Amino acid sequence: MTREEIIEKVNNLLSEEFEVDLGELTPDANIKETLALDSLSLVDLVALVQQNYKIKIPVADLPSIQTFNDLYNYIESHLPA
């Protein structure tokens, strides 16, 4: 899966799940602010990513995922080969 495919799939999933316009999902945007996430909806986001990409996101890694670009990088670097 290419980076472009990851970005497109993530953005479409998050736009649909959190009812946010695709135009708001820019690489440098803060995920929590853009998606108006509270702690419960953050769990939903993690579950959505884990389910769609078959990767595990440990709670300890969450602080390093602040922007959409961070999320794309995380997914890209943890995808099974």
PDB file of N, CA and C in Angstrom:
ATOM      1  N   MET A   1       0.848  -1.182   0.000  1.00  0.00           N
ATOM      2  CA  MET A   1       0.000   0.000   0.000  1.00  0.00           C
ATOM      3  C   MET A   1       0.892   1.244   0.000  1.00  0.00           C
ATOM      4  N   THR A   2       0.632   2.145  -0.927  1.00  0.00           N
ATOM      5  CA  THR A   2       1.441   3.354  -1.020  1.00  0.00           C
ATOM      6  C   THR A   2       0.982   4.381   0.024  1.00  0.00           C
ATOM      7  N   ARG A   3       1.819   5.358   0.246  1.00  0.00           N
ATOM      8  CA  ARG A   3       1.470   6.422   1.198  1.00  0.00           C
ATOM      9  C   ARG A   3       0.200   7.154   0.749  1.00  0.00           C
ATOM     10  N   GLU A   4       0.095   7.389  -0.549  1.00  0.00           N
ATOM     11  CA  GLU A   4      -1.088   8.071  -1.075  1.00  0.00           C
ATOM     12  C   GLU A   4      -2.355   7.264  -0.791  1.00  0.00           C
ATOM     13  N   GLU A   5      -2.264   5.940  -0.942  1.00  0.00           N
ATOM     14  CA  GLU A   5      -3.410   5.073  -0.654  1.00  0.00           C
ATOM     15  C   GLU A   5      -3.772   5.111   0.831  1.00  0.00           C
ATOM     16  N   ILE A   6      -2.746   5.131   1.671  1.00  0.00           N
ATOM     17  CA  ILE A   6      -2.979   5.225   3.128  1.00  0.00           C
ATOM     18  C   ILE A   6      -3.704   6.523   3.444  1.00  0.00           C
ATOM     19  N   ILE A   7      -3.204   7.626   2.930  1.00  0.00           N
ATOM     20  CA  ILE A   7      -3.800   8.940   3.196  1.00  0.00           C
ATOM     21  C   ILE A   7      -5.247   8.979   2.731  1.00  0.00           C
ATOM     22  N   GLU A   8      -5.494   8.505   1.516  1.00  0.00           N
ATOM     23  CA  GLU A   8      -6.855   8.533   0.972  1.00  0.00           C
ATOM     24  C   GLU A   8      -7.799   7.669   1.814  1.00  0.00           C
ATOM     25  N   LYS A   9      -7.366   6.466   2.162  1.00  0.00           N
ATOM     26  CA  LYS A   9      -8.219   5.556   2.929  1.00  0.00           C
ATOM     27  C   LYS A   9      -8.476   6.101   4.330  1.00  0.00           C
ATOM     28  N   VAL A  10      -7.419   6.576   5.002  1.00  0.00           N
ATOM     29  CA  VAL A  10      -7.569   7.128   6.357  1.00  0.00           C
ATOM     30  C   VAL A  10      -8.528   8.315   6.327  1.00  0.00           C
ATOM     31  N   ASN A  11      -8.312   9.231   5.407  1.00  0.00           N
ATOM     32  CA  ASN A  11      -9.155  10.424   5.338  1.00  0.00           C
ATOM     33  C   ASN A  11     -10.616  10.067   5.080  1.00  0.00           C
ATOM     34  N   ASN A  12     -10.850   9.132   4.171  1.00  0.00           N
ATOM     35  CA  ASN A  12     -12.228   8.727   3.881  1.00  0.00           C
ATOM     36  C   ASN A  12     -12.873   8.064   5.101  1.00  0.00           C
ATOM     37  N   LEU A  13     -12.140   7.192   5.781  1.00  0.00           N
ATOM     38  CA  LEU A  13     -12.661   6.533   6.978  1.00  0.00           C
ATOM     39  C   LEU A  13     -13.013   7.548   8.061  1.00  0.00           C
ATOM     40  N   LEU A  14     -12.079   8.442   8.328  1.00  0.00           N
ATOM     41  CA  LEU A  14     -12.279   9.407   9.409  1.00  0.00           C
ATOM     42  C   LEU A  14     -13.353  10.425   9.065  1.00  0.00           C
ATOM     43  N   SER A  15     -13.404  10.842   7.811  1.00  0.00           N
ATOM     44  CA  SER A  15     -14.420  11.796   7.379  1.00  0.00           C
ATOM     45  C   SER A  15     -15.812  11.202   7.584  1.00  0.00           C
ATOM     46  N   GLU A  16     -15.963   9.951   7.209  1.00  0.00           N
ATOM     47  CA  GLU A  16     -17.259   9.281   7.343  1.00  0.00           C
ATOM     48  C   GLU A  16     -17.598   9.009   8.817  1.00  0.00           C
ATOM     49  N   GLU A  17     -16.642   8.470   9.556  1.00  0.00           N
ATOM     50  CA  GLU A  17     -16.881   8.086  10.952  1.00  0.00           C
ATOM     51  C   GLU A  17     -17.171   9.287  11.847  1.00  0.00           C
ATOM     52  N   PHE A  18     -16.416  10.367  11.661  1.00  0.00           N
ATOM     53  CA  PHE A  18     -16.531  11.521  12.550  1.00  0.00           C
ATOM     54  C   PHE A  18     -17.286  12.695  11.911  1.00  0.00           C
ATOM     55  N   GLU A  19     -17.841  12.462  10.716  1.00  0.00           N
ATOM     56  CA  GLU A  19     -18.661  13.455  10.021  1.00  0.00           C
ATOM     57  C   GLU A  19     -17.956  14.810   9.883  1.00  0.00           C
ATOM     58  N   VAL A  20     -16.762  14.739   9.310  1.00  0.00           N
ATOM     59  CA  VAL A  20     -15.938  15.928   9.092  1.00  0.00           C
ATOM     60  C   VAL A  20     -15.668  16.037   7.594  1.00  0.00           C
ATOM     61  N   ASP A  21     -15.670  17.265   7.078  1.00  0.00           N
ATOM     62  CA  ASP A  21     -15.387  17.500   5.668  1.00  0.00           C
ATOM     63  C   ASP A  21     -13.954  17.068   5.341  1.00  0.00           C
ATOM     64  N   LEU A  22     -13.801  16.369   4.228  1.00  0.00           N
ATOM     65  CA  LEU A  22     -12.468  15.905   3.806  1.00  0.00           C
ATOM     66  C   LEU A  22     -11.458  17.044   3.717  1.00  0.00           C
ATOM     67  N   GLY A  23     -11.906  18.232   3.365  1.00  0.00           N
ATOM     68  CA  GLY A  23     -11.012  19.379   3.241  1.00  0.00           C
ATOM     69  C   GLY A  23     -10.363  19.797   4.550  1.00  0.00           C
ATOM     70  N   GLU A  24     -10.955  19.405   5.670  1.00  0.00           N
ATOM     71  CA  GLU A  24     -10.389  19.747   6.975  1.00  0.00           C
ATOM     72  C   GLU A  24      -9.264  18.801   7.399  1.00  0.00           C
ATOM     73  N   LEU A  25      -9.153  17.667   6.724  1.00  0.00           N
ATOM     74  CA  LEU A  25      -8.166  16.655   7.087  1.00  0.00           C
ATOM     75  C   LEU A  25      -6.855  16.912   6.350  1.00  0.00           C
ATOM     76  N   THR A  26      -6.129  17.906   6.820  1.00  0.00           N
ATOM     77  CA  THR A  26      -4.845  18.254   6.211  1.00  0.00           C
ATOM     78  C   THR A  26      -3.720  17.625   7.022  1.00  0.00           C
ATOM     79  N   PRO A  27      -2.577  17.346   6.390  1.00  0.00           N
ATOM     80  CA  PRO A  27      -1.493  16.643   7.086  1.00  0.00           C
ATOM     81  C   PRO A  27      -1.048  17.284   8.397  1.00  0.00           C
ATOM     82  N   ASP A  28      -1.019  18.613   8.463  1.00  0.00           N
ATOM     83  CA  ASP A  28      -0.527  19.285   9.674  1.00  0.00           C
ATOM     84  C   ASP A  28      -1.611  19.606  10.686  1.00  0.00           C
ATOM     85  N   ALA A  29      -2.859  19.277  10.387  1.00  0.00           N
ATOM     86  CA  ALA A  29      -3.959  19.561  11.317  1.00  0.00           C
ATOM     87  C   ALA A  29      -3.880  18.639  12.528  1.00  0.00           C
ATOM     88  N   ASN A  30      -4.261  19.179  13.679  1.00  0.00           N
ATOM     89  CA  ASN A  30      -4.294  18.389  14.908  1.00  0.00           C
ATOM     90  C   ASN A  30      -5.502  17.454  14.860  1.00  0.00           C
ATOM     91  N   ILE A  31      -5.256  16.178  15.079  1.00  0.00           N
ATOM     92  CA  ILE A  31      -6.328  15.178  14.975  1.00  0.00           C
ATOM     93  C   ILE A  31      -7.435  15.432  15.988  1.00  0.00           C
ATOM     94  N   LYS A  32      -7.059  15.619  17.247  1.00  0.00           N
ATOM     95  CA  LYS A  32      -8.069  15.779  18.301  1.00  0.00           C
ATOM     96  C   LYS A  32      -8.936  17.012  18.070  1.00  0.00           C
ATOM     97  N   GLU A  33      -8.317  18.120  17.667  1.00  0.00           N
ATOM     98  CA  GLU A  33      -9.073  19.351  17.430  1.00  0.00           C
ATOM     99  C   GLU A  33      -9.947  19.238  16.184  1.00  0.00           C
ATOM    100  N   THR A  34      -9.391  18.710  15.105  1.00  0.00           N
ATOM    101  CA  THR A  34     -10.114  18.625  13.842  1.00  0.00           C
ATOM    102  C   THR A  34     -11.330  17.709  13.938  1.00  0.00           C
ATOM    103  N   LEU A  35     -11.153  16.579  14.629  1.00  0.00           N
ATOM    104  CA  LEU A  35     -12.238  15.609  14.750  1.00  0.00           C
ATOM    105  C   LEU A  35     -13.060  15.799  16.022  1.00  0.00           C
ATOM    106  N   ALA A  36     -12.703  16.820  16.833  1.00  0.00           N
ATOM    107  CA  ALA A  36     -13.383  17.091  18.104  1.00  0.00           C
ATOM    108  C   ALA A  36     -13.442  15.829  18.966  1.00  0.00           C
ATOM    109  N   LEU A  37     -12.266  15.200  19.160  1.00  0.00           N
ATOM    110  CA  LEU A  37     -12.194  13.939  19.886  1.00  0.00           C
ATOM    111  C   LEU A  37     -12.136  14.141  21.395  1.00  0.00           C
ATOM    112  N   ASP A  38     -12.919  13.348  22.109  1.00  0.00           N
ATOM    113  CA  ASP A  38     -12.740  13.224  23.547  1.00  0.00           C
ATOM    114  C   ASP A  38     -12.079  11.861  23.767  1.00  0.00           C
ATOM    115  N   SER A  39     -11.887  11.458  24.998  1.00  0.00           N
ATOM    116  CA  SER A  39     -11.162  10.216  25.243  1.00  0.00           C
ATOM    117  C   SER A  39     -11.890   9.001  24.671  1.00  0.00           C
ATOM    118  N   LEU A  40     -13.213   9.016  24.697  1.00  0.00           N
ATOM    119  CA  LEU A  40     -13.979   7.891  24.161  1.00  0.00           C
ATOM    120  C   LEU A  40     -13.886   7.816  22.644  1.00  0.00           C
ATOM    121  N   SER A  41     -14.008   8.952  21.978  1.00  0.00           N
ATOM    122  CA  SER A  41     -13.923   8.933  20.519  1.00  0.00           C
ATOM    123  C   SER A  41     -12.494   8.672  20.043  1.00  0.00           C
ATOM    124  N   LEU A  42     -11.504   8.970  20.879  1.00  0.00           N
ATOM    125  CA  LEU A  42     -10.120   8.622  20.545  1.00  0.00           C
ATOM    126  C   LEU A  42      -9.974   7.100  20.493  1.00  0.00           C
ATOM    127  N   VAL A  43     -10.637   6.413  21.413  1.00  0.00           N
ATOM    128  CA  VAL A  43     -10.643   4.952  21.402  1.00  0.00           C
ATOM    129  C   VAL A  43     -11.286   4.442  20.111  1.00  0.00           C
ATOM    130  N   ASP A  44     -12.359   5.096  19.678  1.00  0.00           N
ATOM    131  CA  ASP A  44     -13.013   4.724  18.424  1.00  0.00           C
ATOM    132  C   ASP A  44     -12.054   4.883  17.238  1.00  0.00           C
ATOM    133  N   LEU A  45     -11.303   5.966  17.231  1.00  0.00           N
ATOM    134  CA  LEU A  45     -10.349   6.211  16.155  1.00  0.00           C
ATOM    135  C   LEU A  45      -9.295   5.108  16.132  1.00  0.00           C
ATOM    136  N   VAL A  46      -8.744   4.778  17.287  1.00  0.00           N
ATOM    137  CA  VAL A  46      -7.719   3.731  17.381  1.00  0.00           C
ATOM    138  C   VAL A  46      -8.287   2.400  16.895  1.00  0.00           C
ATOM    139  N   ALA A  47      -9.495   2.056  17.333  1.00  0.00           N
ATOM    140  CA  ALA A  47     -10.125   0.803  16.925  1.00  0.00           C
ATOM    141  C   ALA A  47     -10.349   0.770  15.414  1.00  0.00           C
ATOM    142  N   LEU A  48     -10.774   1.883  14.851  1.00  0.00           N
ATOM    143  CA  LEU A  48     -11.013   1.978  13.415  1.00  0.00           C
ATOM    144  C   LEU A  48      -9.725   1.724  12.633  1.00  0.00           C
ATOM    145  N   VAL A  49      -8.645   2.353  13.057  1.00  0.00           N
ATOM    146  CA  VAL A  49      -7.351   2.175  12.380  1.00  0.00           C
ATOM    147  C   VAL A  49      -6.867   0.729  12.542  1.00  0.00           C
ATOM    148  N   GLN A  50      -6.969   0.215  13.757  1.00  0.00           N
ATOM    149  CA  GLN A  50      -6.500  -1.155  14.006  1.00  0.00           C
ATOM    150  C   GLN A  50      -7.289  -2.164  13.174  1.00  0.00           C
ATOM    151  N   GLN A  51      -8.585  -1.965  13.083  1.00  0.00           N
ATOM    152  CA  GLN A  51      -9.443  -2.886  12.340  1.00  0.00           C
ATOM    153  C   GLN A  51      -9.154  -2.824  10.840  1.00  0.00           C
ATOM    154  N   ASN A  52      -8.963  -1.635  10.306  1.00  0.00           N
ATOM    155  CA  ASN A  52      -8.778  -1.477   8.868  1.00  0.00           C
ATOM    156  C   ASN A  52      -7.375  -1.786   8.382  1.00  0.00           C
ATOM    157  N   TYR A  53      -6.390  -1.642   9.262  1.00  0.00           N
ATOM    158  CA  TYR A  53      -5.003  -1.844   8.833  1.00  0.00           C
ATOM    159  C   TYR A  53      -4.339  -3.040   9.498  1.00  0.00           C
ATOM    160  N   LYS A  54      -5.066  -3.717  10.386  1.00  0.00           N
ATOM    161  CA  LYS A  54      -4.538  -4.907  11.070  1.00  0.00           C
ATOM    162  C   LYS A  54      -3.213  -4.615  11.780  1.00  0.00           C
ATOM    163  N   ILE A  55      -3.159  -3.422  12.409  1.00  0.00           N
ATOM    164  CA  ILE A  55      -1.992  -3.071  13.221  1.00  0.00           C
ATOM    165  C   ILE A  55      -2.479  -2.731  14.621  1.00  0.00           C
ATOM    166  N   LYS A  56      -1.606  -2.870  15.591  1.00  0.00           N
ATOM    167  CA  LYS A  56      -1.933  -2.572  16.983  1.00  0.00           C
ATOM    168  C   LYS A  56      -1.306  -1.228  17.332  1.00  0.00           C
ATOM    169  N   ILE A  57      -2.095  -0.349  17.949  1.00  0.00           N
ATOM    170  CA  ILE A  57      -1.565   0.935  18.410  1.00  0.00           C
ATOM    171  C   ILE A  57      -1.598   0.919  19.936  1.00  0.00           C
ATOM    172  N   PRO A  58      -0.447   0.688  20.569  1.00  0.00           N
ATOM    173  CA  PRO A  58      -0.414   0.697  22.028  1.00  0.00           C
ATOM    174  C   PRO A  58      -0.714   2.093  22.583  1.00  0.00           C
ATOM    175  N   VAL A  59      -1.336   2.139  23.745  1.00  0.00           N
ATOM    176  CA  VAL A  59      -1.670   3.414  24.390  1.00  0.00           C
ATOM    177  C   VAL A  59      -0.423   4.288  24.540  1.00  0.00           C
ATOM    178  N   ALA A  60       0.706   3.667  24.800  1.00  0.00           N
ATOM    179  CA  ALA A  60       1.960   4.414  24.981  1.00  0.00           C
ATOM    180  C   ALA A  60       2.369   5.180  23.724  1.00  0.00           C
ATOM    181  N   ASP A  61       1.895   4.747  22.560  1.00  0.00           N
ATOM    182  CA  ASP A  61       2.251   5.421  21.302  1.00  0.00           C
ATOM    183  C   ASP A  61       1.332   6.599  20.973  1.00  0.00           C
ATOM    184  N   LEU A  62       0.191   6.679  21.619  1.00  0.00           N
ATOM    185  CA  LEU A  62      -0.781   7.728  21.284  1.00  0.00           C
ATOM    186  C   LEU A  62      -0.250   9.151  21.420  1.00  0.00           C
ATOM    187  N   PRO A  63       0.528   9.475  22.462  1.00  0.00           N
ATOM    188  CA  PRO A  63       1.027  10.861  22.551  1.00  0.00           C
ATOM    189  C   PRO A  63       1.881  11.297  21.357  1.00  0.00           C
ATOM    190  N   SER A  64       2.471  10.345  20.644  1.00  0.00           N
ATOM    191  CA  SER A  64       3.312  10.709  19.494  1.00  0.00           C
ATOM    192  C   SER A  64       2.489  10.923  18.222  1.00  0.00           C
ATOM    193  N   ILE A  65       1.188  10.648  18.291  1.00  0.00           N
ATOM    194  CA  ILE A  65       0.320  10.824  17.124  1.00  0.00           C
ATOM    195  C   ILE A  65      -0.577  12.040  17.365  1.00  0.00           C
ATOM    196  N   GLN A  66      -0.095  13.190  16.936  1.00  0.00           N
ATOM    197  CA  GLN A  66      -0.818  14.448  17.158  1.00  0.00           C
ATOM    198  C   GLN A  66      -1.501  14.977  15.905  1.00  0.00           C
ATOM    199  N   THR A  67      -0.815  14.838  14.764  1.00  0.00           N
ATOM    200  CA  THR A  67      -1.358  15.367  13.502  1.00  0.00           C
ATOM    201  C   THR A  67      -1.736  14.203  12.581  1.00  0.00           C
ATOM    202  N   PHE A  68      -2.448  14.524  11.526  1.00  0.00           N
ATOM    203  CA  PHE A  68      -2.798  13.482  10.556  1.00  0.00           C
ATOM    204  C   PHE A  68      -1.540  12.909   9.923  1.00  0.00           C
ATOM    205  N   ASN A  69      -0.537  13.744   9.701  1.00  0.00           N
ATOM    206  CA  ASN A  69       0.723  13.271   9.146  1.00  0.00           C
ATOM    207  C   ASN A  69       1.363  12.245  10.083  1.00  0.00           C
ATOM    208  N   ASP A  70       1.313  12.503  11.394  1.00  0.00           N
ATOM    209  CA  ASP A  70       1.832  11.532  12.371  1.00  0.00           C
ATOM    210  C   ASP A  70       1.109  10.194  12.233  1.00  0.00           C
ATOM    211  N   LEU A  71      -0.206  10.260  12.044  1.00  0.00           N
ATOM    212  CA  LEU A  71      -1.000   9.040  11.906  1.00  0.00           C
ATOM    213  C   LEU A  71      -0.629   8.295  10.627  1.00  0.00           C
ATOM    214  N   TYR A  72      -0.497   9.022   9.514  1.00  0.00           N
ATOM    215  CA  TYR A  72      -0.097   8.379   8.256  1.00  0.00           C
ATOM    216  C   TYR A  72       1.271   7.706   8.422  1.00  0.00           C
ATOM    217  N   ASN A  73       2.210   8.420   9.031  1.00  0.00           N
ATOM    218  CA  ASN A  73       3.555   7.867   9.241  1.00  0.00           C
ATOM    219  C   ASN A  73       3.504   6.612  10.101  1.00  0.00           C
ATOM    220  N   TYR A  74       2.706   6.664  11.160  1.00  0.00           N
ATOM    221  CA  TYR A  74       2.593   5.533  12.079  1.00  0.00           C
ATOM    222  C   TYR A  74       2.058   4.311  11.330  1.00  0.00           C
ATOM    223  N   ILE A  75       0.985   4.498  10.585  1.00  0.00           N
ATOM    224  CA  ILE A  75       0.389   3.387   9.843  1.00  0.00           C
ATOM    225  C   ILE A  75       1.391   2.839   8.831  1.00  0.00           C
ATOM    226  N   GLU A  76       2.003   3.752   8.088  1.00  0.00           N
ATOM    227  CA  GLU A  76       2.966   3.330   7.049  1.00  0.00           C
ATOM    228  C   GLU A  76       4.119   2.520   7.636  1.00  0.00           C
ATOM    229  N   SER A  77       4.615   2.928   8.796  1.00  0.00           N
ATOM    230  CA  SER A  77       5.771   2.242   9.386  1.00  0.00           C
ATOM    231  C   SER A  77       5.397   0.961  10.128  1.00  0.00           C
ATOM    232  N   HIS A  78       4.110   0.738  10.386  1.00  0.00           N
ATOM    233  CA  HIS A  78       3.700  -0.460  11.125  1.00  0.00           C
ATOM    234  C   HIS A  78       2.917  -1.470  10.284  1.00  0.00           C
ATOM    235  N   LEU A  79       2.715  -1.173   9.008  1.00  0.00           N
ATOM    236  CA  LEU A  79       2.015  -2.129   8.151  1.00  0.00           C
ATOM    237  C   LEU A  79       2.843  -3.385   7.987  1.00  0.00           C
ATOM    238  N   PRO A  80       2.178  -4.546   7.981  1.00  0.00           N
ATOM    239  CA  PRO A  80       2.917  -5.783   7.736  1.00  0.00           C
ATOM    240  C   PRO A  80       3.548  -5.763   6.346  1.00  0.00           C
ATOM    241  N   ALA A  81       4.712  -6.312   6.257  1.00  0.00           N
ATOM    242  CA  ALA A  81       5.449  -6.302   4.967  1.00  0.00           C
ATOM    243  C   ALA A  81       4.795  -7.226   3.958  1.00  0.00           C
TER     244      ALA A  81
END
